[in-house]
Amino acid sequence: MTSSMTQKITEGPSAVHGTGVFAVASIAVEELVGRYEGNPSEEDGTYVLWVETDDGGWEGIDGTGVLRFLNHSQSPNVEFDGPDLYALRDIAPDEELLFDYGEEWAHVP
């Protein structure tokens, strides 16, 4: 992540679950928040993000950066496009960044 991106987010205690990711500065709708960084993984795990490849397959990224602490919401304010995370709406400072983990999490608000 560029230094301007890392200056806009931080990790901290979450009311949703454990540790979360929070805005420390305003983030505008459609703004690039950051890139999910980590090591390639062929196995699922707590911090593995599955990204669809150009050929329709999937590759796992075992997160090592702050974005690994993103929590789930069925009303997300961010979404991934590949490993890049974008704001779905304007996000205020101190607001937790949340994304929809997918169908397997449909029973969790």
PDB file of N, CA and C in Angstrom:
ATOM      1  N   MET A   1       0.839  -1.192   0.000  1.00  0.00           N
ATOM      2  CA  MET A   1       0.000   0.000   0.000  1.00  0.00           C
ATOM      3  C   MET A   1       0.876   1.243   0.000  1.00  0.00           C
ATOM      4  N   THR A   2       0.397   2.272  -0.651  1.00  0.00           N
ATOM      5  CA  THR A   2       1.142   3.520  -0.624  1.00  0.00           C
ATOM      6  C   THR A   2       0.979   4.165   0.735  1.00  0.00           C
ATOM      7  N   SER A   3       1.861   5.089   1.057  1.00  0.00           N
ATOM      8  CA  SER A   3       1.794   5.718   2.373  1.00  0.00           C
ATOM      9  C   SER A   3       0.493   6.478   2.570  1.00  0.00           C
ATOM     10  N   SER A   4      -0.085   7.055   1.491  1.00  0.00           N
ATOM     11  CA  SER A   4      -1.354   7.771   1.641  1.00  0.00           C
ATOM     12  C   SER A   4      -2.483   6.819   2.025  1.00  0.00           C
ATOM     13  N   MET A   5      -2.439   5.567   1.512  1.00  0.00           N
ATOM     14  CA  MET A   5      -3.460   4.592   1.873  1.00  0.00           C
ATOM     15  C   MET A   5      -3.295   4.147   3.325  1.00  0.00           C
ATOM     16  N   THR A   6      -2.072   3.863   3.728  1.00  0.00           N
ATOM     17  CA  THR A   6      -1.860   3.380   5.089  1.00  0.00           C
ATOM     18  C   THR A   6      -2.184   4.457   6.108  1.00  0.00           C
ATOM     19  N   GLN A   7      -2.158   5.716   5.713  1.00  0.00           N
ATOM     20  CA  GLN A   7      -2.505   6.793   6.627  1.00  0.00           C
ATOM     21  C   GLN A   7      -4.012   6.924   6.808  1.00  0.00           C
ATOM     22  N   LYS A   8      -4.794   6.235   5.987  1.00  0.00           N
ATOM     23  CA  LYS A   8      -6.249   6.345   6.072  1.00  0.00           C
ATOM     24  C   LYS A   8      -6.900   5.209   6.838  1.00  0.00           C
ATOM     25  N   ILE A   9      -6.164   4.149   7.172  1.00  0.00           N
ATOM     26  CA  ILE A   9      -6.749   3.027   7.900  1.00  0.00           C
ATOM     27  C   ILE A   9      -5.832   2.560   9.017  1.00  0.00           C
ATOM     28  N   THR A  10      -6.454   1.925  10.008  1.00  0.00           N
ATOM     29  CA  THR A  10      -5.705   1.341  11.111  1.00  0.00           C
ATOM     30  C   THR A  10      -6.507   0.173  11.663  1.00  0.00           C
ATOM     31  N   GLU A  11      -5.867  -0.669  12.435  1.00  0.00           N
ATOM     32  CA  GLU A  11      -6.578  -1.749  13.104  1.00  0.00           C
ATOM     33  C   GLU A  11      -6.895  -1.331  14.532  1.00  0.00           C
ATOM     34  N   GLY A  12      -7.945  -1.950  15.091  1.00  0.00           N
ATOM     35  CA  GLY A  12      -8.325  -1.644  16.463  1.00  0.00           C
ATOM     36  C   GLY A  12      -9.429  -2.568  16.928  1.00  0.00           C
ATOM     37  N   PRO A  13      -9.782  -2.480  18.216  1.00  0.00           N
ATOM     38  CA  PRO A  13     -10.851  -3.321  18.762  1.00  0.00           C
ATOM     39  C   PRO A  13     -12.180  -3.053  18.057  1.00  0.00           C
ATOM     40  N   SER A  14     -12.884  -4.137  17.705  1.00  0.00           N
ATOM     41  CA  SER A  14     -14.129  -4.034  16.956  1.00  0.00           C
ATOM     42  C   SER A  14     -15.316  -4.477  17.789  1.00  0.00           C
ATOM     43  N   ALA A  15     -16.418  -3.759  17.657  1.00  0.00           N
ATOM     44  CA  ALA A  15     -17.678  -4.179  18.281  1.00  0.00           C
ATOM     45  C   ALA A  15     -18.290  -5.337  17.507  1.00  0.00           C
ATOM     46  N   VAL A  16     -17.872  -5.540  16.263  1.00  0.00           N
ATOM     47  CA  VAL A  16     -18.392  -6.625  15.438  1.00  0.00           C
ATOM     48  C   VAL A  16     -17.750  -7.948  15.838  1.00  0.00           C
ATOM     49  N   HIS A  17     -16.398  -7.957  15.878  1.00  0.00           N
ATOM     50  CA  HIS A  17     -15.684  -9.181  16.234  1.00  0.00           C
ATOM     51  C   HIS A  17     -14.198  -8.887  16.405  1.00  0.00           C
ATOM     52  N   GLY A  18     -13.655  -9.148  17.552  1.00  0.00           N
ATOM     53  CA  GLY A  18     -12.216  -9.084  17.783  1.00  0.00           C
ATOM     54  C   GLY A  18     -11.580  -7.791  17.331  1.00  0.00           C
ATOM     55  N   THR A  19     -10.709  -7.897  16.342  1.00  0.00           N
ATOM     56  CA  THR A  19     -10.004  -6.754  15.773  1.00  0.00           C
ATOM     57  C   THR A  19     -10.650  -6.396  14.445  1.00  0.00           C
ATOM     58  N   GLY A  20     -10.714  -5.107  14.154  1.00  0.00           N
ATOM     59  CA  GLY A  20     -11.279  -4.639  12.901  1.00  0.00           C
ATOM     60  C   GLY A  20     -10.383  -3.608  12.253  1.00  0.00           C
ATOM     61  N   VAL A  21     -10.818  -3.129  11.088  1.00  0.00           N
ATOM     62  CA  VAL A  21     -10.100  -2.098  10.347  1.00  0.00           C
ATOM     63  C   VAL A  21     -10.964  -0.835  10.371  1.00  0.00           C
ATOM     64  N   PHE A  22     -10.336   0.288  10.677  1.00  0.00           N
ATOM     65  CA  PHE A  22     -11.056   1.541  10.847  1.00  0.00           C
ATOM     66  C   PHE A  22     -10.430   2.649  10.010  1.00  0.00           C
ATOM     67  N   ALA A  23     -11.280   3.565   9.543  1.00  0.00           N
ATOM     68  CA  ALA A  23     -10.798   4.744   8.832  1.00  0.00           C
ATOM     69  C   ALA A  23     -10.246   5.734   9.852  1.00  0.00           C
ATOM     70  N   VAL A  24      -9.102   6.306   9.574  1.00  0.00           N
ATOM     71  CA  VAL A  24      -8.555   7.372  10.421  1.00  0.00           C
ATOM     72  C   VAL A  24      -8.686   8.717   9.718  1.00  0.00           C
ATOM     73  N   ALA A  25      -9.119   8.678   8.460  1.00  0.00           N
ATOM     74  CA  ALA A  25      -9.393   9.874   7.674  1.00  0.00           C
ATOM     75  C   ALA A  25     -10.572   9.547   6.761  1.00  0.00           C
ATOM     76  N   SER A  26     -11.200  10.555   6.215  1.00  0.00           N
ATOM     77  CA  SER A  26     -12.316  10.337   5.303  1.00  0.00           C
ATOM     78  C   SER A  26     -11.857   9.546   4.083  1.00  0.00           C
ATOM     79  N   ILE A  27     -12.722   8.640   3.644  1.00  0.00           N
ATOM     80  CA  ILE A  27     -12.480   7.848   2.438  1.00  0.00           C
ATOM     81  C   ILE A  27     -13.682   8.074   1.527  1.00  0.00           C
ATOM     82  N   ALA A  28     -13.435   8.473   0.297  1.00  0.00           N
ATOM     83  CA  ALA A  28     -14.512   8.804  -0.639  1.00  0.00           C
ATOM     84  C   ALA A  28     -15.028   7.561  -1.347  1.00  0.00           C
ATOM     85  N   VAL A  29     -16.285   7.604  -1.759  1.00  0.00           N
ATOM     86  CA  VAL A  29     -16.885   6.526  -2.531  1.00  0.00           C
ATOM     87  C   VAL A  29     -15.991   6.204  -3.729  1.00  0.00           C
ATOM     88  N   GLU A  30     -15.803   4.925  -4.001  1.00  0.00           N
ATOM     89  CA  GLU A  30     -14.996   4.383  -5.090  1.00  0.00           C
ATOM     90  C   GLU A  30     -13.492   4.591  -4.918  1.00  0.00           C
ATOM     91  N   GLU A  31     -13.072   5.162  -3.799  1.00  0.00           N
ATOM     92  CA  GLU A  31     -11.640   5.352  -3.552  1.00  0.00           C
ATOM     93  C   GLU A  31     -10.972   4.012  -3.254  1.00  0.00           C
ATOM     94  N   LEU A  32      -9.779   3.821  -3.777  1.00  0.00           N
ATOM     95  CA  LEU A  32      -8.986   2.651  -3.448  1.00  0.00           C
ATOM     96  C   LEU A  32      -8.540   2.769  -1.998  1.00  0.00           C
ATOM     97  N   VAL A  33      -8.932   1.803  -1.183  1.00  0.00           N
ATOM     98  CA  VAL A  33      -8.576   1.807   0.235  1.00  0.00           C
ATOM     99  C   VAL A  33      -7.227   1.130   0.439  1.00  0.00           C
ATOM    100  N   GLY A  34      -7.000   0.044  -0.275  1.00  0.00           N
ATOM    101  CA  GLY A  34      -5.744  -0.675  -0.138  1.00  0.00           C
ATOM    102  C   GLY A  34      -5.761  -1.970  -0.909  1.00  0.00           C
ATOM    103  N   ARG A  35      -4.673  -2.708  -0.798  1.00  0.00           N
ATOM    104  CA  ARG A  35      -4.519  -3.993  -1.480  1.00  0.00           C
ATOM    105  C   ARG A  35      -4.305  -5.063  -0.422  1.00  0.00           C
ATOM    106  N   TYR A  36      -5.004  -6.183  -0.572  1.00  0.00           N
ATOM    107  CA  TYR A  36      -4.862  -7.314   0.341  1.00  0.00           C
ATOM    108  C   TYR A  36      -3.510  -7.954   0.077  1.00  0.00           C
ATOM    109  N   GLU A  37      -2.623  -7.857   1.054  1.00  0.00           N
ATOM    110  CA  GLU A  37      -1.257  -8.349   0.893  1.00  0.00           C
ATOM    111  C   GLU A  37      -1.062  -9.614   1.708  1.00  0.00           C
ATOM    112  N   GLY A  38      -0.250 -10.504   1.165  1.00  0.00           N
ATOM    113  CA  GLY A  38       0.047 -11.735   1.873  1.00  0.00           C
ATOM    114  C   GLY A  38       0.727 -12.734   0.981  1.00  0.00           C
ATOM    115  N   ASN A  39       0.773 -13.955   1.466  1.00  0.00           N
ATOM    116  CA  ASN A  39       1.445 -15.039   0.758  1.00  0.00           C
ATOM    117  C   ASN A  39       0.432 -15.899   0.024  1.00  0.00           C
ATOM    118  N   PRO A  40       0.813 -16.441  -1.145  1.00  0.00           N
ATOM    119  CA  PRO A  40      -0.095 -17.347  -1.852  1.00  0.00           C
ATOM    120  C   PRO A  40      -0.463 -18.538  -0.960  1.00  0.00           C
ATOM    121  N   SER A  41      -1.720 -18.980  -1.083  1.00  0.00           N
ATOM    122  CA  SER A  41      -2.180 -20.111  -0.279  1.00  0.00           C
ATOM    123  C   SER A  41      -3.101 -20.997  -1.118  1.00  0.00           C
ATOM    124  N   GLU A  42      -2.935 -22.291  -0.947  1.00  0.00           N
ATOM    125  CA  GLU A  42      -3.833 -23.238  -1.604  1.00  0.00           C
ATOM    126  C   GLU A  42      -4.848 -23.797  -0.618  1.00  0.00           C
ATOM    127  N   GLU A  43      -4.722 -23.420   0.648  1.00  0.00           N
ATOM    128  CA  GLU A  43      -5.627 -23.893   1.690  1.00  0.00           C
ATOM    129  C   GLU A  43      -6.360 -22.717   2.312  1.00  0.00           C
ATOM    130  N   ASP A  44      -7.613 -22.954   2.708  1.00  0.00           N
ATOM    131  CA  ASP A  44      -8.399 -21.924   3.360  1.00  0.00           C
ATOM    132  C   ASP A  44      -7.867 -21.701   4.771  1.00  0.00           C
ATOM    133  N   GLY A  45      -8.091 -20.542   5.297  1.00  0.00           N
ATOM    134  CA  GLY A  45      -7.662 -20.218   6.645  1.00  0.00           C
ATOM    135  C   GLY A  45      -8.327 -18.937   7.106  1.00  0.00           C
ATOM    136  N   THR A  46      -8.083 -18.569   8.344  1.00  0.00           N
ATOM    137  CA  THR A  46      -8.721 -17.405   8.954  1.00  0.00           C
ATOM    138  C   THR A  46      -8.530 -16.141   8.139  1.00  0.00           C
ATOM    139  N   TYR A  47      -7.329 -15.919   7.623  1.00  0.00           N
ATOM    140  CA  TYR A  47      -7.042 -14.677   6.913  1.00  0.00           C
ATOM    141  C   TYR A  47      -6.846 -14.864   5.409  1.00  0.00           C
ATOM    142  N   VAL A  48      -7.361 -15.969   4.855  1.00  0.00           N
ATOM    143  CA  VAL A  48      -7.199 -16.215   3.420  1.00  0.00           C
ATOM    144  C   VAL A  48      -8.343 -15.559   2.646  1.00  0.00           C
ATOM    145  N   LEU A  49      -7.964 -14.700   1.706  1.00  0.00           N
ATOM    146  CA  LEU A  49      -8.908 -14.079   0.787  1.00  0.00           C
ATOM    147  C   LEU A  49      -8.804 -14.826  -0.534  1.00  0.00           C
ATOM    148  N   TRP A  50      -9.947 -15.290  -1.058  1.00  0.00           N
ATOM    149  CA  TRP A  50      -9.970 -15.999  -2.336  1.00  0.00           C
ATOM    150  C   TRP A  50     -10.306 -15.017  -3.436  1.00  0.00           C
ATOM    151  N   VAL A  51      -9.435 -14.935  -4.442  1.00  0.00           N
ATOM    152  CA  VAL A  51      -9.567 -13.991  -5.545  1.00  0.00           C
ATOM    153  C   VAL A  51      -9.709 -14.773  -6.842  1.00  0.00           C
ATOM    154  N   GLU A  52     -10.714 -14.399  -7.631  1.00  0.00           N
ATOM    155  CA  GLU A  52     -10.910 -15.071  -8.922  1.00  0.00           C
ATOM    156  C   GLU A  52      -9.818 -14.627  -9.902  1.00  0.00           C
ATOM    157  N   THR A  53      -9.272 -15.600 -10.605  1.00  0.00           N
ATOM    158  CA  THR A  53      -8.218 -15.316 -11.576  1.00  0.00           C
ATOM    159  C   THR A  53      -8.834 -15.048 -12.948  1.00  0.00           C
ATOM    160  N   ASP A  54      -8.027 -14.555 -13.878  1.00  0.00           N
ATOM    161  CA  ASP A  54      -8.507 -14.234 -15.225  1.00  0.00           C
ATOM    162  C   ASP A  54      -9.064 -15.446 -15.956  1.00  0.00           C
ATOM    163  N   ASP A  55      -8.565 -16.651 -15.616  1.00  0.00           N
ATOM    164  CA  ASP A  55      -9.029 -17.865 -16.295  1.00  0.00           C
ATOM    165  C   ASP A  55     -10.213 -18.530 -15.588  1.00  0.00           C
ATOM    166  N   GLY A  56     -10.809 -17.830 -14.601  1.00  0.00           N
ATOM    167  CA  GLY A  56     -11.976 -18.358 -13.906  1.00  0.00           C
ATOM    168  C   GLY A  56     -11.651 -19.240 -12.717  1.00  0.00           C
ATOM    169  N   GLY A  57     -10.382 -19.422 -12.421  1.00  0.00           N
ATOM    170  CA  GLY A  57      -9.975 -20.185 -11.238  1.00  0.00           C
ATOM    171  C   GLY A  57      -9.926 -19.287 -10.007  1.00  0.00           C
ATOM    172  N   TRP A  58      -9.404 -19.826  -8.936  1.00  0.00           N
ATOM    173  CA  TRP A  58      -9.306 -19.076  -7.684  1.00  0.00           C
ATOM    174  C   TRP A  58      -7.913 -19.220  -7.113  1.00  0.00           C
ATOM    175  N   GLU A  59      -7.421 -18.135  -6.519  1.00  0.00           N
ATOM    176  CA  GLU A  59      -6.154 -18.191  -5.806  1.00  0.00           C
ATOM    177  C   GLU A  59      -6.350 -17.564  -4.427  1.00  0.00           C
ATOM    178  N   GLY A  60      -5.710 -18.159  -3.445  1.00  0.00           N
ATOM    179  CA  GLY A  60      -5.813 -17.673  -2.082  1.00  0.00           C
ATOM    180  C   GLY A  60      -4.644 -16.770  -1.728  1.00  0.00           C
ATOM    181  N   ILE A  61      -4.938 -15.751  -0.933  1.00  0.00           N
ATOM    182  CA  ILE A  61      -3.906 -14.873  -0.390  1.00  0.00           C
ATOM    183  C   ILE A  61      -4.036 -14.935   1.126  1.00  0.00           C
ATOM    184  N   ASP A  62      -3.023 -15.456   1.801  1.00  0.00           N
ATOM    185  CA  ASP A  62      -3.014 -15.544   3.262  1.00  0.00           C
ATOM    186  C   ASP A  62      -2.526 -14.204   3.796  1.00  0.00           C
ATOM    187  N   GLY A  63      -3.455 -13.383   4.240  1.00  0.00           N
ATOM    188  CA  GLY A  63      -3.188 -11.996   4.592  1.00  0.00           C
ATOM    189  C   GLY A  63      -2.150 -11.783   5.676  1.00  0.00           C
ATOM    190  N   THR A  64      -1.309 -10.777   5.443  1.00  0.00           N
ATOM    191  CA  THR A  64      -0.308 -10.374   6.418  1.00  0.00           C
ATOM    192  C   THR A  64      -0.434  -8.903   6.780  1.00  0.00           C
ATOM    193  N   GLY A  65      -1.213  -8.139   6.028  1.00  0.00           N
ATOM    194  CA  GLY A  65      -1.369  -6.707   6.280  1.00  0.00           C
ATOM    195  C   GLY A  65      -2.587  -6.413   7.138  1.00  0.00           C
ATOM    196  N   VAL A  66      -2.830  -5.141   7.394  1.00  0.00           N
ATOM    197  CA  VAL A  66      -3.936  -4.710   8.243  1.00  0.00           C
ATOM    198  C   VAL A  66      -5.291  -5.145   7.686  1.00  0.00           C
ATOM    199  N   LEU A  67      -5.432  -5.253   6.362  1.00  0.00           N
ATOM    200  CA  LEU A  67      -6.726  -5.620   5.783  1.00  0.00           C
ATOM    201  C   LEU A  67      -7.167  -7.031   6.161  1.00  0.00           C
ATOM    202  N   ARG A  68      -6.276  -7.840   6.699  1.00  0.00           N
ATOM    203  CA  ARG A  68      -6.668  -9.187   7.133  1.00  0.00           C
ATOM    204  C   ARG A  68      -7.675  -9.131   8.287  1.00  0.00           C
ATOM    205  N   PHE A  69      -7.784  -7.981   8.927  1.00  0.00           N
ATOM    206  CA  PHE A  69      -8.703  -7.835  10.056  1.00  0.00           C
ATOM    207  C   PHE A  69     -10.081  -7.298   9.660  1.00  0.00           C
ATOM    208  N   LEU A  70     -10.382  -7.224   8.370  1.00  0.00           N
ATOM    209  CA  LEU A  70     -11.709  -6.779   7.937  1.00  0.00           C
ATOM    210  C   LEU A  70     -12.770  -7.743   8.446  1.00  0.00           C
ATOM    211  N   ASN A  71     -13.842  -7.194   8.979  1.00  0.00           N
ATOM    212  CA  ASN A  71     -14.957  -8.001   9.462  1.00  0.00           C
ATOM    213  C   ASN A  71     -16.100  -8.003   8.459  1.00  0.00           C
ATOM    214  N   HIS A  72     -17.016  -8.961   8.645  1.00  0.00           N
ATOM    215  CA  HIS A  72     -18.149  -9.184   7.742  1.00  0.00           C
ATOM    216  C   HIS A  72     -19.355  -8.322   8.088  1.00  0.00           C
ATOM    217  N   SER A  73     -20.079  -7.949   7.039  1.00  0.00           N
ATOM    218  CA  SER A  73     -21.391  -7.322   7.181  1.00  0.00           C
ATOM    219  C   SER A  73     -22.192  -7.586   5.919  1.00  0.00           C
ATOM    220  N   GLN A  74     -23.505  -7.796   6.086  1.00  0.00           N
ATOM    221  CA  GLN A  74     -24.378  -7.893   4.914  1.00  0.00           C
ATOM    222  C   GLN A  74     -24.695  -6.502   4.363  1.00  0.00           C
ATOM    223  N   SER A  75     -24.273  -5.464   5.098  1.00  0.00           N
ATOM    224  CA  SER A  75     -24.394  -4.078   4.633  1.00  0.00           C
ATOM    225  C   SER A  75     -22.984  -3.482   4.563  1.00  0.00           C
ATOM    226  N   PRO A  76     -22.163  -3.970   3.635  1.00  0.00           N
ATOM    227  CA  PRO A  76     -20.756  -3.555   3.594  1.00  0.00           C
ATOM    228  C   PRO A  76     -20.573  -2.115   3.132  1.00  0.00           C
ATOM    229  N   ASN A  77     -19.439  -1.539   3.516  1.00  0.00           N
ATOM    230  CA  ASN A  77     -19.080  -0.208   3.019  1.00  0.00           C
ATOM    231  C   ASN A  77     -17.836  -0.257   2.128  1.00  0.00           C
ATOM    232  N   VAL A  78     -17.259  -1.456   1.968  1.00  0.00           N
ATOM    233  CA  VAL A  78     -16.125  -1.673   1.065  1.00  0.00           C
ATOM    234  C   VAL A  78     -16.319  -2.990   0.330  1.00  0.00           C
ATOM    235  N   GLU A  79     -15.636  -3.137  -0.817  1.00  0.00           N
ATOM    236  CA  GLU A  79     -15.674  -4.402  -1.549  1.00  0.00           C
ATOM    237  C   GLU A  79     -14.357  -4.599  -2.286  1.00  0.00           C
ATOM    238  N   PHE A  80     -14.038  -5.859  -2.512  1.00  0.00           N
ATOM    239  CA  PHE A  80     -12.822  -6.202  -3.232  1.00  0.00           C
ATOM    240  C   PHE A  80     -13.090  -6.304  -4.728  1.00  0.00           C
ATOM    241  N   ASP A  81     -12.129  -5.845  -5.502  1.00  0.00           N
ATOM    242  CA  ASP A  81     -12.047  -6.107  -6.933  1.00  0.00           C
ATOM    243  C   ASP A  81     -10.682  -6.750  -7.106  1.00  0.00           C
ATOM    244  N   GLY A  82     -10.653  -8.074  -7.135  1.00  0.00           N
ATOM    245  CA  GLY A  82      -9.386  -8.786  -7.037  1.00  0.00           C
ATOM    246  C   GLY A  82      -8.832  -8.542  -5.642  1.00  0.00           C
ATOM    247  N   PRO A  83      -7.551  -8.267  -5.518  1.00  0.00           N
ATOM    248  CA  PRO A  83      -6.997  -7.999  -4.197  1.00  0.00           C
ATOM    249  C   PRO A  83      -7.139  -6.541  -3.758  1.00  0.00           C
ATOM    250  N   ASP A  84      -7.701  -5.683  -4.611  1.00  0.00           N
ATOM    251  CA  ASP A  84      -7.841  -4.261  -4.294  1.00  0.00           C
ATOM    252  C   ASP A  84      -9.179  -3.995  -3.614  1.00  0.00           C
ATOM    253  N   LEU A  85      -9.144  -3.184  -2.552  1.00  0.00           N
ATOM    254  CA  LEU A  85     -10.328  -2.869  -1.760  1.00  0.00           C
ATOM    255  C   LEU A  85     -10.774  -1.447  -2.057  1.00  0.00           C
ATOM    256  N   TYR A  86     -12.067  -1.281  -2.379  1.00  0.00           N
ATOM    257  CA  TYR A  86     -12.631   0.018  -2.719  1.00  0.00           C
ATOM    258  C   TYR A  86     -13.806   0.361  -1.807  1.00  0.00           C
ATOM    259  N   ALA A  87     -14.001   1.662  -1.584  1.00  0.00           N
ATOM    260  CA  ALA A  87     -15.127   2.144  -0.791  1.00  0.00           C
ATOM    261  C   ALA A  87     -16.399   2.111  -1.633  1.00  0.00           C
ATOM    262  N   LEU A  88     -17.471   1.570  -1.053  1.00  0.00           N
ATOM    263  CA  LEU A  88     -18.776   1.535  -1.722  1.00  0.00           C
ATOM    264  C   LEU A  88     -19.559   2.831  -1.501  1.00  0.00           C
ATOM    265  N   ARG A  89     -19.159   3.580  -0.502  1.00  0.00           N
ATOM    266  CA  ARG A  89     -19.795   4.862  -0.166  1.00  0.00           C
ATOM    267  C   ARG A  89     -18.763   5.684   0.590  1.00  0.00           C
ATOM    268  N   ASP A  90     -19.085   6.927   0.873  1.00  0.00           N
ATOM    269  CA  ASP A  90     -18.187   7.740   1.683  1.00  0.00           C
ATOM    270  C   ASP A  90     -18.085   7.124   3.080  1.00  0.00           C
ATOM    271  N   ILE A  91     -16.882   7.088   3.621  1.00  0.00           N
ATOM    272  CA  ILE A  91     -16.628   6.506   4.931  1.00  0.00           C
ATOM    273  C   ILE A  91     -16.007   7.583   5.811  1.00  0.00           C
ATOM    274  N   ALA A  92     -16.573   7.754   6.999  1.00  0.00           N
ATOM    275  CA  ALA A  92     -16.124   8.792   7.928  1.00  0.00           C
ATOM    276  C   ALA A  92     -14.970   8.290   8.807  1.00  0.00           C
ATOM    277  N   PRO A  93     -14.163   9.204   9.306  1.00  0.00           N
ATOM    278  CA  PRO A  93     -13.121   8.805  10.252  1.00  0.00           C
ATOM    279  C   PRO A  93     -13.725   8.049  11.435  1.00  0.00           C
ATOM    280  N   ASP A  94     -13.016   7.056  11.929  1.00  0.00           N
ATOM    281  CA  ASP A  94     -13.400   6.192  13.049  1.00  0.00           C
ATOM    282  C   ASP A  94     -14.443   5.139  12.688  1.00  0.00           C
ATOM    283  N   GLU A  95     -14.945   5.135  11.460  1.00  0.00           N
ATOM    284  CA  GLU A  95     -15.919   4.137  11.035  1.00  0.00           C
ATOM    285  C   GLU A  95     -15.200   2.834  10.681  1.00  0.00           C
ATOM    286  N   GLU A  96     -15.789   1.705  11.103  1.00  0.00           N
ATOM    287  CA  GLU A  96     -15.198   0.412  10.781  1.00  0.00           C
ATOM    288  C   GLU A  96     -15.486   0.062   9.327  1.00  0.00           C
ATOM    289  N   LEU A  97     -14.471  -0.456   8.650  1.00  0.00           N
ATOM    290  CA  LEU A  97     -14.621  -0.930   7.282  1.00  0.00           C
ATOM    291  C   LEU A  97     -15.103  -2.378   7.331  1.00  0.00           C
ATOM    292  N   LEU A  98     -16.181  -2.656   6.596  1.00  0.00           N
ATOM    293  CA  LEU A  98     -16.805  -3.980   6.610  1.00  0.00           C
ATOM    294  C   LEU A  98     -17.076  -4.438   5.184  1.00  0.00           C
ATOM    295  N   PHE A  99     -16.858  -5.737   4.929  1.00  0.00           N
ATOM    296  CA  PHE A  99     -17.204  -6.259   3.614  1.00  0.00           C
ATOM    297  C   PHE A  99     -17.982  -7.553   3.755  1.00  0.00           C
ATOM    298  N   ASP A 100     -18.703  -7.903   2.716  1.00  0.00           N
ATOM    299  CA  ASP A 100     -19.549  -9.101   2.710  1.00  0.00           C
ATOM    300  C   ASP A 100     -18.678 -10.307   2.385  1.00  0.00           C
ATOM    301  N   TYR A 101     -18.568 -11.241   3.327  1.00  0.00           N
ATOM    302  CA  TYR A 101     -17.730 -12.427   3.146  1.00  0.00           C
ATOM    303  C   TYR A 101     -18.295 -13.387   2.097  1.00  0.00           C
ATOM    304  N   GLY A 102     -19.570 -13.264   1.754  1.00  0.00           N
ATOM    305  CA  GLY A 102     -20.149 -14.107   0.722  1.00  0.00           C
ATOM    306  C   GLY A 102     -21.284 -14.964   1.226  1.00  0.00           C
ATOM    307  N   GLU A 103     -21.780 -15.845   0.336  1.00  0.00           N
ATOM    308  CA  GLU A 103     -22.971 -16.654   0.593  1.00  0.00           C
ATOM    309  C   GLU A 103     -22.881 -17.501   1.846  1.00  0.00           C
ATOM    310  N   GLU A 104     -21.712 -18.023   2.146  1.00  0.00           N
ATOM    311  CA  GLU A 104     -21.567 -18.880   3.326  1.00  0.00           C
ATOM    312  C   GLU A 104     -21.820 -18.109   4.627  1.00  0.00           C
ATOM    313  N   TRP A 105     -21.806 -16.791   4.553  1.00  0.00           N
ATOM    314  CA  TRP A 105     -22.016 -15.943   5.728  1.00  0.00           C
ATOM    315  C   TRP A 105     -23.378 -15.260   5.691  1.00  0.00           C
ATOM    316  N   ALA A 106     -24.282 -15.709   4.831  1.00  0.00           N
ATOM    317  CA  ALA A 106     -25.590 -15.066   4.668  1.00  0.00           C
ATOM    318  C   ALA A 106     -26.416 -15.062   5.949  1.00  0.00           C
ATOM    319  N   HIS A 107     -26.147 -15.983   6.853  1.00  0.00           N
ATOM    320  CA  HIS A 107     -26.897 -16.056   8.107  1.00  0.00           C
ATOM    321  C   HIS A 107     -26.379 -15.090   9.169  1.00  0.00           C
ATOM    322  N   VAL A 108     -25.272 -14.406   8.896  1.00  0.00           N
ATOM    323  CA  VAL A 108     -24.664 -13.477   9.844  1.00  0.00           C
ATOM    324  C   VAL A 108     -24.940 -12.051   9.375  1.00  0.00           C
ATOM    325  N   PRO A 109     -25.504 -11.203  10.252  1.00  0.00           N
ATOM    326  CA  PRO A 109     -25.820  -9.828   9.825  1.00  0.00           C
ATOM    327  C   PRO A 109     -24.567  -9.078   9.503  1.00  0.00           C
TER     328      PRO A 109
END
